[in-house]
């Protein structure tokens, strides 16, 4: 089983009404929320860890995950309002974001509210996104990661949102702590440019593999993805589809990677360490298909297993 830890929020996505005026449609989201949703739709029955507001939006978020058979038993109800984000696609299909986080339930889970014991059937924990940059949730997630890293696969996607980072040096120290214990790292080419300007995916991955990470994946949108493991590396092109928007594509990709690793019997410390390039290619093709299907639909709307098979 996989535990996903990080923010949940309501994304407001532009939609044109019948009168031609632009409106904003409330859609459940947040990168870790999307990963949990996608894992649930792929039949993985994951657990999710985040605070939920008691307001109507909080109930919508919980209902969306429960419909996908995501376990919310570790999610406390908090008094703050639901975290809100604006997700606006630009003319090239990329999405620009703005978030309202301070004091909101999706960013307010504290260290003492973490589960005291993680069940032994949790083989992997996925962390990521802007919850690492906000307090108190960022500190709680770091504590959980450091506590559990020795006995579980740590999956990490920084999914960096620069406009939320008020102290770059402090944030970089937190990212470095996660990189030091992670087993599976996925990041976008934009994340890489922010982290290490001018550094190629090959150089970055070689450095991370040398430090103990077992699998590094760099995604580049329509440019496909590049995966690296101790056995070598492989590029997989993006699938060609009619794009509605790219919201949640990276999260769907991440969930599909974890699903494929689990089904190959590799979602354990020794498993990801013995990854072969041949298996890595199959994992990345499965993940690319899942992300492509998501991109054909507005907002984050991950596919079910049968949709990927048909695709």
Protein backbone atom coordinates (compact mmCIF):
# COMPACT_ATOMS: atom_id res chain seq x y z
CA UNK A 1 0.00 0.00 0.00
CA UNK A 2 1.08 3.60 -0.66
CA UNK A 3 0.64 6.60 1.63
CA UNK A 4 0.46 10.03 -0.04
CA UNK A 5 1.19 13.04 2.17
CA UNK A 6 0.65 16.65 1.14
CA UNK A 7 -1.86 19.37 0.37
CA UNK A 8 -5.44 19.15 -0.81
CA UNK A 9 -7.20 22.20 -2.19
CA UNK A 10 -9.89 23.51 -4.47
CA UNK A 11 -8.58 24.74 -7.82
CA UNK A 12 -10.63 27.44 -9.51
CA UNK A 13 -10.40 26.79 -13.25
CA UNK A 14 -11.69 29.24 -15.88
CA UNK A 15 -14.81 28.16 -17.72
CA UNK A 16 -16.91 30.07 -20.24
CA UNK A 17 -20.60 30.34 -19.37
CA UNK A 18 -23.51 30.23 -21.78
CA UNK A 19 -23.53 34.02 -21.82
CA UNK A 20 -19.88 34.09 -22.97
CA UNK A 21 -18.55 35.39 -19.67
CA UNK A 22 -15.60 33.76 -17.94
CA UNK A 23 -16.38 31.96 -14.73
CA UNK A 24 -14.25 29.88 -12.39
CA UNK A 25 -15.25 26.27 -11.85
CA UNK A 26 -14.24 24.78 -8.45
CA UNK A 27 -12.32 21.52 -8.98
CA UNK A 28 -10.69 19.32 -6.30
CA UNK A 29 -6.91 19.37 -6.60
CA UNK A 30 -3.48 19.81 -5.11
CA UNK A 31 -0.57 17.73 -6.40
CA UNK A 32 -0.52 15.09 -3.62
CA UNK A 33 -4.34 14.97 -3.66
CA UNK A 34 -4.16 14.29 -7.41
CA UNK A 35 -1.56 11.55 -6.91
CA UNK A 36 -3.80 9.85 -4.34
CA UNK A 37 -6.83 10.19 -6.64
CA UNK A 38 -4.94 8.70 -9.58
CA UNK A 39 -3.59 5.83 -7.45
CA UNK A 40 -7.12 5.11 -6.28
CA UNK A 41 -8.48 5.03 -9.82
CA UNK A 42 -5.68 2.65 -10.79
CA UNK A 43 -6.84 0.24 -8.10
CA UNK A 44 -4.04 0.82 -5.58
CA UNK A 45 -6.27 1.69 -2.57
CA UNK A 46 -3.83 4.29 -1.18
CA UNK A 47 -3.96 6.20 2.10
CA UNK A 48 -3.89 10.00 2.15
CA UNK A 49 -2.59 12.37 4.83
CA UNK A 50 -3.73 15.99 4.95
CA UNK A 51 -5.98 18.18 7.05
CA UNK A 52 -9.50 18.75 5.72
CA UNK A 53 -11.69 21.74 6.42
CA UNK A 54 -15.17 21.20 7.81
CA UNK A 55 -16.56 23.57 5.17
CA UNK A 56 -18.40 22.50 2.01
CA UNK A 57 -15.22 22.45 -0.08
CA UNK A 58 -13.58 20.19 2.49
CA UNK A 59 -16.44 17.74 2.18
CA UNK A 60 -16.16 17.82 -1.61
CA UNK A 61 -12.45 16.97 -1.40
CA UNK A 62 -13.09 14.04 0.92
CA UNK A 63 -15.95 12.72 -1.18
CA UNK A 64 -13.84 12.82 -4.35
CA UNK A 65 -11.13 10.67 -2.79
CA UNK A 66 -13.56 8.25 -1.15
CA UNK A 67 -15.15 7.65 -4.55
CA UNK A 68 -11.71 6.44 -5.70
CA UNK A 69 -11.33 4.16 -2.66
CA UNK A 70 -8.69 6.32 -0.98
CA UNK A 71 -8.32 5.73 2.77
CA UNK A 72 -8.77 9.01 4.72
CA UNK A 73 -8.59 7.56 8.22
CA UNK A 74 -5.45 9.56 9.07
CA UNK A 75 -6.90 12.90 7.88
CA UNK A 76 -8.01 15.18 10.74
CA UNK A 77 -10.79 17.75 10.38
CA UNK A 78 -9.36 21.22 10.95
CA UNK A 79 -11.09 24.50 11.75
CA UNK A 80 -9.57 26.54 8.91
CA UNK A 81 -11.17 27.09 5.54
CA UNK A 82 -10.20 25.01 2.52
CA UNK A 83 -7.01 26.00 0.67
CA UNK A 84 -7.84 27.71 -2.63
CA UNK A 85 -5.84 27.85 -5.86
CA UNK A 86 -6.35 29.46 -9.26
CA UNK A 87 -5.21 27.36 -12.22
CA UNK A 88 -5.26 29.27 -15.51
CA UNK A 89 -3.94 27.69 -18.75
CA UNK A 90 -1.98 30.05 -21.00
CA UNK A 91 -2.08 30.17 -24.81
CA UNK A 92 0.46 27.32 -25.04
CA UNK A 93 -1.50 24.95 -22.79
CA UNK A 94 0.78 25.42 -19.77
CA UNK A 95 -0.89 26.29 -16.49
CA UNK A 96 -0.20 29.30 -14.29
CA UNK A 97 -1.08 28.99 -10.59
CA UNK A 98 -1.85 31.20 -7.61
CA UNK A 99 -2.63 29.87 -4.12
CA UNK A 100 -4.26 31.18 -0.96
CA UNK A 101 -2.73 29.13 1.83
CA UNK A 102 -2.26 31.01 5.11
CA UNK A 103 -4.24 29.47 7.94
CA UNK A 104 -6.10 27.12 5.61
CA UNK A 105 -6.83 23.49 6.42
CA UNK A 106 -4.90 22.05 3.48
CA UNK A 107 -1.66 23.57 4.78
CA UNK A 108 -2.21 23.54 8.55
CA UNK A 109 -1.56 19.96 9.66
CA UNK A 110 1.01 20.01 12.49
CA UNK A 111 3.61 17.53 13.67
CA UNK A 112 1.62 16.38 16.71
CA UNK A 113 -1.27 15.45 14.38
CA UNK A 114 0.81 12.95 12.41
CA UNK A 115 -0.11 9.29 12.87
CA UNK A 116 2.11 7.90 15.62
CA UNK A 117 2.53 4.59 13.80
CA UNK A 118 2.53 3.87 10.07
CA UNK A 119 1.10 0.38 9.39
CA UNK A 120 3.66 -2.17 8.16
CA UNK A 121 1.70 -2.77 4.94
CA UNK A 122 2.60 0.77 3.80
CA UNK A 123 5.58 0.04 1.56
CA UNK A 124 6.02 3.55 0.16
CA UNK A 125 5.27 7.16 1.08
CA UNK A 126 4.97 9.87 -1.54
CA UNK A 127 5.77 13.48 -0.63
CA UNK A 128 5.78 16.64 -2.66
CA UNK A 129 4.59 19.97 -3.92
CA UNK A 130 4.04 23.32 -2.28
CA UNK A 131 3.05 21.94 1.13
CA UNK A 132 6.80 21.60 1.72
CA UNK A 133 7.14 25.38 1.43
CA UNK A 134 4.40 26.38 3.89
CA UNK A 135 4.19 26.05 7.65
CA UNK A 136 3.34 24.20 9.76
CA UNK A 137 2.68 21.44 7.22
CA UNK A 138 6.16 21.54 5.68
CA UNK A 139 7.86 20.81 9.01
CA UNK A 140 5.37 18.02 9.75
CA UNK A 141 6.03 16.36 6.40
CA UNK A 142 9.79 16.61 6.87
CA UNK A 143 9.49 15.00 10.30
CA UNK A 144 7.39 12.16 8.89
CA UNK A 145 9.80 11.57 6.03
CA UNK A 146 12.88 11.45 8.25
CA UNK A 147 11.08 9.13 10.69
CA UNK A 148 10.01 6.60 8.06
CA UNK A 149 12.78 6.76 5.42
CA UNK A 150 14.82 3.86 6.77
CA UNK A 151 12.08 1.27 6.30
CA UNK A 152 9.92 2.49 3.38
CA UNK A 153 10.41 3.64 -0.19
CA UNK A 154 10.34 7.43 -0.27
CA UNK A 155 8.89 8.92 -3.43
CA UNK A 156 9.49 12.64 -3.94
CA UNK A 157 8.24 15.24 -6.43
CA UNK A 158 9.26 18.80 -5.43
CA UNK A 159 6.76 20.37 -7.87
CA UNK A 160 8.24 23.77 -7.07
CA UNK A 161 6.03 26.90 -6.93
CA UNK A 162 8.55 29.77 -6.68
CA UNK A 163 5.96 32.43 -5.78
CA UNK A 164 5.26 30.60 -2.48
CA UNK A 165 8.92 30.48 -1.45
CA UNK A 166 9.76 33.38 0.86
CA UNK A 167 13.07 32.05 2.17
CA UNK A 168 14.92 30.25 -0.62
CA UNK A 169 17.83 29.11 1.55
CA UNK A 170 15.51 27.50 4.10
CA UNK A 171 13.43 25.87 1.39
CA UNK A 172 16.52 24.49 -0.36
CA UNK A 173 17.66 22.94 2.94
CA UNK A 174 14.30 21.19 3.21
CA UNK A 175 14.50 19.91 -0.36
CA UNK A 176 18.01 18.65 0.27
CA UNK A 177 16.79 16.72 3.31
CA UNK A 178 14.23 14.96 1.12
CA UNK A 179 16.73 14.30 -1.67
CA UNK A 180 19.12 12.71 0.82
CA UNK A 181 16.63 10.00 1.83
CA UNK A 182 14.50 9.62 -1.33
CA UNK A 183 14.47 6.44 -3.39
CA UNK A 184 12.32 7.65 -6.32
CA UNK A 185 12.51 11.26 -7.52
CA UNK A 186 10.44 12.82 -10.28
CA UNK A 187 10.80 16.43 -11.27
CA UNK A 188 9.94 18.56 -14.27
CA UNK A 189 12.41 20.37 -16.46
CA UNK A 190 11.09 23.60 -14.89
CA UNK A 191 11.85 22.26 -11.40
CA UNK A 192 15.36 21.35 -12.54
CA UNK A 193 15.96 24.82 -13.97
CA UNK A 194 14.93 26.40 -10.66
CA UNK A 195 17.01 23.99 -8.57
CA UNK A 196 20.14 23.97 -10.71
CA UNK A 197 20.05 26.54 -13.53
CA UNK A 198 21.85 25.34 -16.63
CA UNK A 199 22.30 21.77 -15.34
CA UNK A 200 21.30 18.99 -17.71
CA UNK A 201 19.06 16.12 -16.67
CA UNK A 202 21.99 13.74 -17.23
CA UNK A 203 24.31 15.62 -14.88
CA UNK A 204 21.62 16.08 -12.23
CA UNK A 205 20.58 12.43 -12.34
CA UNK A 206 24.17 11.17 -12.17
CA UNK A 207 24.74 13.24 -9.05
CA UNK A 208 21.54 11.99 -7.40
CA UNK A 209 22.24 8.34 -8.25
CA UNK A 210 25.71 8.72 -6.78
CA UNK A 211 24.14 9.98 -3.55
CA UNK A 212 21.91 6.94 -3.21
CA UNK A 213 18.67 7.69 -5.07
CA UNK A 214 17.58 4.62 -7.05
CA UNK A 215 15.37 6.16 -9.72
CA UNK A 216 15.35 9.68 -11.17
CA UNK A 217 12.79 10.83 -13.74
CA UNK A 218 12.82 14.22 -15.45
CA UNK A 219 9.67 15.15 -17.36
CA UNK A 220 9.49 17.74 -20.13
CA UNK A 221 5.82 17.97 -21.10
CA UNK A 222 5.45 17.41 -24.83
CA UNK A 223 9.17 16.58 -24.88
CA UNK A 224 8.52 13.30 -23.08
CA UNK A 225 10.49 12.02 -20.12
CA UNK A 226 13.97 10.75 -19.30
CA UNK A 227 14.46 8.05 -16.68
CA UNK A 228 17.71 7.11 -14.95
CA UNK A 229 18.63 4.11 -12.78
CA UNK A 230 21.83 2.28 -11.90
CA UNK A 231 21.40 0.06 -14.97
CA UNK A 232 21.32 3.02 -17.39
CA UNK A 233 18.85 5.52 -18.77
CA UNK A 234 16.00 5.67 -21.27
CA UNK A 235 14.03 8.40 -23.03
CA UNK A 236 10.34 7.90 -23.69
CA UNK A 237 8.46 10.31 -25.98
CA UNK A 238 5.18 11.90 -24.94
CA UNK A 239 2.03 10.43 -26.44
CA UNK A 240 0.34 12.58 -29.10
CA UNK A 241 -3.17 13.59 -28.01
CA UNK A 242 -5.55 16.52 -28.33
CA UNK A 243 -4.79 18.52 -25.19
CA UNK A 244 -7.53 20.12 -23.13
CA UNK A 245 -5.08 21.30 -20.45
CA UNK A 246 -2.13 19.88 -18.53
CA UNK A 247 -3.53 20.21 -15.00
CA UNK A 248 -2.64 17.11 -13.00
CA UNK A 249 -0.64 15.47 -15.79
CA UNK A 250 2.55 15.23 -13.72
CA UNK A 251 0.62 13.91 -10.73
CA UNK A 252 -1.09 11.27 -12.86
CA UNK A 253 2.32 10.34 -14.27
CA UNK A 254 3.72 10.00 -10.74
CA UNK A 255 0.85 7.78 -9.60
CA UNK A 256 1.24 5.56 -12.66
CA UNK A 257 4.99 5.20 -11.99
CA UNK A 258 4.30 4.06 -8.42
CA UNK A 259 1.56 1.71 -9.64
CA UNK A 260 3.81 0.13 -12.24
CA UNK A 261 6.67 -0.27 -9.76
CA UNK A 262 4.32 -1.94 -7.30
CA UNK A 263 2.99 -4.33 -9.91
CA UNK A 264 6.55 -5.26 -10.90
CA UNK A 265 7.26 -6.10 -7.25
CA UNK A 266 9.80 -3.27 -7.07
CA UNK A 267 8.16 -0.87 -4.61
CA UNK A 268 10.53 -1.72 -1.78
CA UNK A 269 14.04 -0.52 -0.96
CA UNK A 270 15.88 -3.40 -2.58
CA UNK A 271 13.40 -3.50 -5.47
CA UNK A 272 13.98 0.00 -6.81
CA UNK A 273 17.72 -0.49 -6.34
CA UNK A 274 17.73 -3.39 -8.82
CA UNK A 275 15.66 -1.62 -11.49
CA UNK A 276 16.67 -2.53 -15.05
CA UNK A 277 16.41 -0.22 -18.04
CA UNK A 278 13.98 -2.60 -19.70
CA UNK A 279 11.58 -2.46 -16.76
CA UNK A 280 12.09 1.30 -16.48
CA UNK A 281 11.00 1.75 -20.08
CA UNK A 282 7.77 -0.17 -19.44
CA UNK A 283 7.12 1.89 -16.31
CA UNK A 284 7.63 5.17 -18.17
CA UNK A 285 5.45 4.16 -21.14
CA UNK A 286 2.62 3.21 -18.79
CA UNK A 287 2.98 6.52 -16.94
CA UNK A 288 3.14 8.52 -20.18
CA UNK A 289 -0.08 6.91 -21.41
CA UNK A 290 -1.84 7.73 -18.14
CA UNK A 291 -0.67 11.36 -18.24
CA UNK A 292 -1.70 11.72 -21.88
CA UNK A 293 -5.25 10.56 -21.18
CA UNK A 294 -5.49 13.04 -18.30
CA UNK A 295 -4.45 15.86 -20.66
CA UNK A 296 -7.41 15.17 -22.97
CA UNK A 297 -9.82 16.21 -20.19
CA UNK A 298 -10.22 19.51 -18.32
CA UNK A 299 -8.64 19.66 -14.87
CA UNK A 300 -7.10 16.68 -13.13
CA UNK A 301 -9.19 13.70 -14.23
CA UNK A 302 -6.91 10.64 -14.09
CA UNK A 303 -7.77 7.52 -16.07
CA UNK A 304 -8.90 4.15 -14.80
CA UNK A 305 -6.98 0.99 -15.59
CA UNK A 306 -9.25 -0.03 -18.46
CA UNK A 307 -8.81 3.35 -20.14
CA UNK A 308 -5.04 2.95 -20.21
CA UNK A 309 -5.40 -0.56 -21.60
CA UNK A 310 -7.72 0.71 -24.35
CA UNK A 311 -5.37 3.61 -25.10
